[in-house]
Protein backbone atom coordinates (compact mmCIF):
# COMPACT_ATOMS: atom_id res chain seq x y z
CA UNK A 1 0.04 -0.07 -0.01
CA UNK A 2 2.82 2.34 0.82
CA UNK A 3 3.92 2.53 -2.92
CA UNK A 4 0.44 3.91 -3.89
CA UNK A 5 -0.91 7.40 -3.57
CA UNK A 6 -2.03 8.04 -0.10
CA UNK A 7 -4.61 10.85 0.69
CA UNK A 8 -4.73 12.81 3.91
CA UNK A 9 -7.83 12.80 5.99
CA UNK A 10 -8.57 16.50 5.12
CA UNK A 11 -8.62 15.71 1.51
CA UNK A 12 -10.74 12.62 1.96
CA UNK A 13 -13.35 14.66 3.81
CA UNK A 14 -13.68 16.87 0.68
CA UNK A 15 -14.33 13.97 -1.57
CA UNK A 16 -17.72 13.30 -3.21
CA UNK A 17 -20.03 10.26 -3.03
CA UNK A 18 -18.60 7.09 -4.64
CA UNK A 19 -15.01 8.56 -4.75
CA UNK A 20 -12.41 5.98 -3.69
CA UNK A 21 -9.36 6.70 -1.43
CA UNK A 22 -6.45 5.29 0.51
CA UNK A 23 -5.24 6.60 3.84
CA UNK A 24 -2.50 5.73 6.17
CA UNK A 25 -2.60 6.64 9.95
CA UNK A 26 -2.76 5.68 13.60
CA UNK A 27 -6.03 4.13 14.90
CA UNK A 28 -7.52 6.28 17.48
CA UNK A 29 -10.71 4.22 18.02
CA UNK A 30 -11.83 0.72 17.02
CA UNK A 31 -14.74 -1.30 18.30
CA UNK A 32 -16.35 -4.59 16.99
CA UNK A 33 -20.14 -4.67 16.67
CA UNK A 34 -22.74 -6.94 15.02
CA UNK A 35 -24.88 -6.06 12.01
CA UNK A 36 -28.45 -7.14 11.69
CA UNK A 37 -27.36 -10.51 10.34
CA UNK A 38 -25.10 -11.23 13.27
CA UNK A 39 -21.82 -10.57 11.34
CA UNK A 40 -18.94 -8.57 12.84
CA UNK A 41 -18.26 -5.05 11.62
CA UNK A 42 -15.87 -2.37 12.99
CA UNK A 43 -16.51 1.18 14.00
CA UNK A 44 -13.05 2.67 13.46
CA UNK A 45 -11.23 6.10 13.48
CA UNK A 46 -7.96 6.68 11.77
CA UNK A 47 -5.87 9.83 12.48
CA UNK A 48 -3.23 11.63 10.62
CA UNK A 49 -1.54 15.00 10.96
CA UNK A 50 -4.60 16.67 9.50
CA UNK A 51 -7.41 15.11 11.62
CA UNK A 52 -9.54 12.06 12.36
CA UNK A 53 -11.50 10.19 9.84
CA UNK A 54 -14.28 7.82 11.29
CA UNK A 55 -15.71 5.09 9.17
CA UNK A 56 -16.84 1.39 9.09
CA UNK A 57 -15.15 -1.93 8.16
CA UNK A 58 -17.89 -4.31 7.03
CA UNK A 59 -17.86 -8.06 7.20
CA UNK A 60 -16.95 -8.49 3.52
CA UNK A 61 -13.70 -6.35 3.83
CA UNK A 62 -10.36 -7.79 3.07
CA UNK A 63 -7.61 -7.88 5.87
CA UNK A 64 -3.80 -8.06 5.09
CA UNK A 65 -0.63 -8.24 6.97
CA UNK A 66 2.06 -6.08 5.44
CA UNK A 67 4.39 -6.02 8.43
CA UNK A 68 6.82 -8.10 6.60
CA UNK A 69 8.28 -8.20 3.09
CA UNK A 70 5.17 -9.54 1.33
CA UNK A 71 1.44 -9.34 1.84
CA UNK A 72 -0.50 -12.11 3.65
CA UNK A 73 -4.21 -12.20 3.78
CA UNK A 74 -5.92 -12.55 7.30
CA UNK A 75 -9.09 -14.63 7.20
CA UNK A 76 -10.24 -14.07 10.73
CA UNK A 77 -9.27 -10.65 11.88
CA UNK A 78 -11.20 -10.83 15.13
CA UNK A 79 -8.98 -13.60 16.45
CA UNK A 80 -5.75 -12.29 14.86
CA UNK A 81 -3.10 -10.98 17.28
CA UNK A 82 -2.36 -8.22 14.77
CA UNK A 83 -6.02 -6.81 14.65
CA UNK A 84 -7.27 -7.72 18.08
CA UNK A 85 -6.10 -4.54 19.52
CA UNK A 86 -5.82 -2.01 16.74
CA UNK A 87 -5.90 1.23 18.76
CA UNK A 88 -2.61 3.03 18.74
CA UNK A 89 -1.31 1.00 15.69
CA UNK A 90 -0.53 2.16 12.15
CA UNK A 91 -2.93 0.86 9.55
CA UNK A 92 -3.45 1.49 5.83
CA UNK A 93 -7.14 1.61 4.77
CA UNK A 94 -8.65 1.59 1.25
CA UNK A 95 -12.24 2.70 1.04
CA UNK A 96 -15.03 4.53 -0.59
CA UNK A 97 -17.27 7.46 0.30
CA UNK A 98 -20.95 6.56 0.59
CA UNK A 99 -23.99 8.21 2.02
CA UNK A 100 -26.11 7.40 5.17
CA UNK A 101 -29.15 9.51 6.11
CA UNK A 102 -27.80 12.35 3.98
CA UNK A 103 -24.44 12.33 5.62
CA UNK A 104 -21.06 11.22 4.25
CA UNK A 105 -19.91 7.74 5.40
CA UNK A 106 -16.52 6.21 4.89
CA UNK A 107 -16.54 2.55 4.29
CA UNK A 108 -13.16 0.78 4.38
CA UNK A 109 -13.02 -2.39 2.22
CA UNK A 110 -9.27 -3.23 2.60
CA UNK A 111 -7.33 -3.10 5.90
CA UNK A 112 -3.48 -3.27 5.98
CA UNK A 113 -1.49 -4.00 9.11
CA UNK A 114 1.75 -1.97 8.47
CA UNK A 115 5.22 -2.39 9.67
CA UNK A 116 5.15 -0.46 12.99
CA UNK A 117 8.88 0.42 12.83
CA UNK A 118 8.85 1.74 9.24
CA UNK A 119 5.69 3.57 9.86
CA UNK A 120 5.75 4.54 13.67
CA UNK A 121 2.33 5.50 15.04
CA UNK A 122 3.61 8.72 16.59
CA UNK A 123 4.42 10.12 13.02
CA UNK A 124 0.68 10.28 12.36
CA UNK A 125 -0.59 11.83 15.47
CA UNK A 126 -2.42 15.11 14.93
CA UNK A 127 -1.05 18.13 16.81
CA UNK A 128 -2.41 21.58 17.56
CA UNK A 129 -2.18 23.73 14.50
CA UNK A 130 -1.06 26.77 16.70
CA UNK A 131 2.58 27.29 17.52
CA UNK A 132 3.36 25.71 20.86
CA UNK A 133 5.82 28.46 21.99
CA UNK A 134 3.22 31.08 21.36
CA UNK A 135 0.48 29.26 23.32
CA UNK A 136 2.93 28.63 26.16
CA UNK A 137 3.79 32.29 26.39
CA UNK A 138 0.23 33.37 26.33
CA UNK A 139 -0.45 30.81 29.22
CA UNK A 140 2.32 32.31 31.26
CA UNK A 141 1.07 35.85 30.57
CA UNK A 142 -2.41 34.72 31.89
CA UNK A 143 -0.81 33.32 35.08
CA UNK A 144 1.04 36.63 35.59
CA UNK A 145 -2.08 38.53 35.12
CA UNK A 146 -3.32 36.87 38.44
CA UNK A 147 -1.33 38.69 41.03
CA UNK A 148 -1.42 37.96 44.79
CA UNK A 149 -2.53 34.59 46.27
CA UNK A 150 -4.44 33.58 43.07
CA UNK A 151 -1.32 33.83 40.93
CA UNK A 152 0.91 32.17 43.57
CA UNK A 153 -1.50 29.23 43.80
CA UNK A 154 -1.44 28.90 39.94
CA UNK A 155 2.34 28.78 40.01
CA UNK A 156 2.21 26.14 42.58
CA UNK A 157 -0.22 23.95 40.77
CA UNK A 158 1.40 24.07 37.26
CA UNK A 159 4.96 24.46 38.03
CA UNK A 160 5.87 23.56 41.59
CA UNK A 161 3.65 20.40 41.46
CA UNK A 162 5.35 19.60 38.15
CA UNK A 163 2.09 18.92 35.96
CA UNK A 164 3.10 21.47 33.32
CA UNK A 165 5.11 19.11 31.13
CA UNK A 166 2.19 16.73 30.84
CA UNK A 167 -0.42 19.50 30.73
CA UNK A 168 0.89 21.29 27.67
CA UNK A 169 0.93 18.22 25.54
CA UNK A 170 -2.39 16.58 26.54
CA UNK A 171 -5.38 16.42 24.39
CA UNK A 172 -8.75 17.99 25.36
CA UNK A 173 -10.91 15.09 24.17
CA UNK A 174 -10.90 12.10 22.08
CA UNK A 175 -13.54 13.39 19.71
CA UNK A 176 -15.76 16.54 19.40
CA UNK A 177 -13.03 19.22 19.96
CA UNK A 178 -9.33 19.81 20.27
CA UNK A 179 -8.76 15.93 20.32
CA UNK A 180 -5.10 15.97 19.51
CA UNK A 181 -1.58 16.56 21.04
CA UNK A 182 -1.53 20.05 22.53
CA UNK A 183 -5.36 20.31 22.38
CA UNK A 184 -5.72 20.90 26.07
CA UNK A 185 -3.44 23.85 26.14
CA UNK A 186 -4.96 25.36 23.06
CA UNK A 187 -8.47 25.17 24.39
CA UNK A 188 -7.42 26.28 28.00
CA UNK A 189 -5.66 29.38 26.59
CA UNK A 190 -8.75 30.31 24.29
CA UNK A 191 -11.07 29.87 27.22
CA UNK A 192 -8.95 31.90 29.64
CA UNK A 193 -8.43 34.65 27.04
CA UNK A 194 -12.06 34.96 26.34
CA UNK A 195 -12.86 34.72 30.17
CA UNK A 196 -10.47 37.53 30.92
CA UNK A 197 -12.03 39.79 28.33
CA UNK A 198 -15.50 39.13 29.42
CA UNK A 199 -14.71 39.57 33.10
CA UNK A 200 -12.92 42.92 32.48
CA UNK A 201 -15.78 44.08 30.30
CA UNK A 202 -18.41 43.39 32.96
CA UNK A 203 -16.19 44.74 35.70
CA UNK A 204 -15.93 48.08 33.80
CA UNK A 205 -19.70 47.94 33.37
CA UNK A 206 -20.08 47.96 37.20
CA UNK A 207 -20.54 44.31 37.87
CA UNK A 208 -18.62 42.83 40.84
CA UNK A 209 -16.40 40.38 38.85
CA UNK A 210 -13.08 39.13 40.31
CA UNK A 211 -10.81 39.05 37.21
CA UNK A 212 -8.07 36.92 38.68
CA UNK A 213 -10.52 34.27 39.93
CA UNK A 214 -12.13 34.09 36.51
CA UNK A 215 -8.82 33.66 34.72
CA UNK A 216 -7.61 31.09 37.39
CA UNK A 217 -10.93 29.13 37.08
CA UNK A 218 -10.55 29.16 33.13
CA UNK A 219 -6.85 28.00 33.49
CA UNK A 220 -7.95 25.04 35.86
CA UNK A 221 -11.36 24.19 34.53
CA UNK A 222 -10.28 21.12 32.57
CA UNK A 223 -7.59 19.94 34.95
CA UNK A 224 -9.29 16.52 35.32
CA UNK A 225 -8.69 15.87 31.56
CA UNK A 226 -5.08 14.92 32.43
CA UNK A 227 -6.53 11.77 34.18
CA UNK A 228 -9.48 11.46 31.79
CA UNK A 229 -7.31 10.79 28.64
CA UNK A 230 -4.03 9.33 27.67
CA UNK A 231 -1.83 9.31 24.59
CA UNK A 232 -0.96 5.93 23.22
CA UNK A 233 0.05 7.65 20.94
CA UNK A 234 -3.37 8.80 19.71
CA UNK A 235 -5.77 10.18 22.45
CA UNK A 236 -7.83 7.60 24.36
CA UNK A 237 -10.28 7.71 27.14
CA UNK A 238 -9.09 6.17 30.37
CA UNK A 239 -11.25 4.07 32.74
CA UNK A 240 -11.40 6.89 35.23
CA UNK A 241 -12.40 9.35 32.50
CA UNK A 242 -15.14 7.00 31.41
CA UNK A 243 -16.71 6.15 34.69
CA UNK A 244 -15.99 9.22 36.79
CA UNK A 245 -15.48 11.95 34.24
CA UNK A 246 -13.08 15.01 34.10
CA UNK A 247 -15.21 17.43 36.18
CA UNK A 248 -15.02 15.09 39.20
CA UNK A 249 -11.40 14.10 38.59
CA UNK A 250 -10.42 17.76 38.12
CA UNK A 251 -12.16 18.91 41.27
CA UNK A 252 -10.39 16.07 43.26
CA UNK A 253 -7.06 17.16 41.87
CA UNK A 254 -7.72 20.80 42.68
CA UNK A 255 -9.05 20.05 46.12
CA UNK A 256 -5.89 18.04 46.92
CA UNK A 257 -3.51 20.76 45.82
CA UNK A 258 -5.57 23.51 47.35
CA UNK A 259 -5.36 21.79 50.66
CA UNK A 260 -1.55 21.10 50.37
CA UNK A 261 -1.14 24.81 49.49
CA UNK A 262 -3.53 25.84 52.24
CA UNK A 263 -5.56 28.13 49.84
CA UNK A 264 -7.82 30.65 51.60
CA UNK A 265 -11.21 28.97 52.11
CA UNK A 266 -13.21 31.61 50.29
CA UNK A 267 -10.92 31.46 47.19
CA UNK A 268 -11.08 27.70 47.31
CA UNK A 269 -14.87 27.76 47.11
CA UNK A 270 -14.93 30.48 44.44
CA UNK A 271 -12.50 28.69 42.11
CA UNK A 272 -13.74 25.24 42.98
CA UNK A 273 -17.26 26.46 42.01
CA UNK A 274 -16.00 27.33 38.41
CA UNK A 275 -14.66 23.86 38.06
CA UNK A 276 -17.71 21.94 39.00
CA UNK A 277 -20.17 24.23 37.05
CA UNK A 278 -18.28 25.04 33.83
CA UNK A 279 -20.44 22.83 31.62
CA UNK A 280 -23.30 25.17 32.42
CA UNK A 281 -26.07 22.74 33.18
CA UNK A 282 -26.69 19.27 34.78
CA UNK A 283 -27.56 17.73 31.42
CA UNK A 284 -23.95 18.34 30.24
CA UNK A 285 -22.36 16.98 33.38
CA UNK A 286 -22.16 19.84 35.80
CA UNK A 287 -23.40 18.91 39.28
CA UNK A 288 -24.33 22.53 40.00
CA UNK A 289 -25.30 25.51 37.84
CA UNK A 290 -22.88 28.59 37.57
CA UNK A 291 -23.90 30.77 40.43
CA UNK A 292 -21.30 33.58 40.43
CA UNK A 293 -20.22 36.11 37.75
CA UNK A 294 -16.84 34.41 37.50
CA UNK A 295 -18.43 30.90 36.82
CA UNK A 296 -20.94 32.28 34.38
CA UNK A 297 -17.99 34.04 32.44
CA UNK A 298 -15.94 30.84 32.28
CA UNK A 299 -18.89 28.68 31.37
CA UNK A 300 -19.88 30.93 28.57
CA UNK A 301 -16.17 31.17 27.42
CA UNK A 302 -15.92 27.35 27.38
CA UNK A 303 -19.12 26.84 25.48
CA UNK A 304 -18.17 29.49 22.90
CA UNK A 305 -14.87 27.94 22.26
CA UNK A 306 -16.39 24.49 21.81
CA UNK A 307 -19.05 25.94 19.29
CA UNK A 308 -16.57 27.89 17.33
CA UNK A 309 -14.20 24.80 17.10
CA UNK A 310 -17.18 22.77 15.71
CA UNK A 311 -18.01 25.60 13.18
CA UNK A 312 -14.45 25.76 11.91
CA UNK A 313 -14.19 22.00 11.74
CA UNK A 314 -17.39 21.77 9.82
CA UNK A 315 -16.73 24.50 7.26
CA UNK A 316 -13.20 23.44 6.67
CA UNK A 317 -14.65 20.11 5.38
CA UNK A 318 -17.28 21.69 3.03
CA UNK A 319 -16.86 21.43 -0.73
CA UNK A 320 -15.96 24.61 -2.66
CA UNK A 321 -18.95 26.73 -3.24
CA UNK A 322 -21.19 25.18 -0.44
CA UNK A 323 -22.47 27.48 2.24
CA UNK A 324 -24.30 25.08 4.66
CA UNK A 325 -22.48 22.25 6.42
CA UNK A 326 -23.51 18.73 6.97
CA UNK A 327 -25.27 18.19 10.33
CA UNK A 328 -22.92 18.50 13.22
CA UNK A 329 -24.05 15.99 15.90
CA UNK A 330 -21.66 17.51 18.50
CA UNK A 331 -23.06 21.01 18.20
CA UNK A 332 -26.61 19.61 17.24
CA UNK A 333 -26.91 21.99 14.25
CA UNK A 334 -25.83 22.75 10.68
CA UNK A 335 -23.40 25.66 10.23
CA UNK A 336 -23.50 28.52 7.72
CA UNK A 337 -20.24 29.66 6.08
CA UNK A 338 -21.47 33.20 5.44
CA UNK A 339 -19.27 35.45 3.09
CA UNK A 340 -20.14 39.01 2.14
CA UNK A 341 -21.06 39.37 -1.50
CA UNK A 342 -19.29 41.97 -3.66
CA UNK A 343 -22.54 44.01 -3.89
CA UNK A 344 -23.07 44.23 -0.22
């Protein structure tokens, strides 16, 4: 497969119905299911530097071992040592664009297990499109904007406790938004930048908003994602992330470090409230609703960054000349790529 033309995931998402393609990447998700006839099929997601492509491998697909010099067909992939655990491995996939309920669907009809040394999985892991040094500098500037005990506590959490090296490389999700290396830092900086702007705006309008607390809450709001996900090398959900969730995990981490630091009781409650309420409503996982100006600001900033990420991801995949995106299940809407006409 490696001798033939390989398409990137971004290019494949712009293909039309019935177009064929080949892709090479690391598997970020793979699960075996049963079709209505009781035959195995696979829900699978393959990642390369441009993004993630989700699709299906049906029961009539061909499976091949290309880890050696030749190519050996695998008749029973479900029991094969090579394919039993595909997540985190480099695979080649050949497929075709189809359509299901008005949405593009990607069916893979040939699956190739590649030589993992020649095609190391880490080579295909998607990373934040933003410059890492620029994001790190903005993060540091946001920490420095929080003077006094809030700033000192942030220094303790991220640098004295030694979590920064992991935090700056971690993903923010395994799907939906910022699901790549550096995604957590990118998302956190965007939320904190917006929260700071909103907090300062409303403080100038006469509202009692504590700007450093809003910034601190934004910088800490997704702390639990460090225990909810792992890189192997693609982002994966941990058991704790699945059955406990990042909000609870994050609050637990925060409470432990706040106790070690002996953070002021009122500050502890104010920042902690932001962490447990930042999803905005109970339906989305927050045990309480935002009840302070700072918590409302961070929740709004978090929601806005998620929605805008979904918008950009959707319109980037649209065909040239198209204005309305396919239905986005994460954001529960279609998006409009509005452009001002020459006569406006």
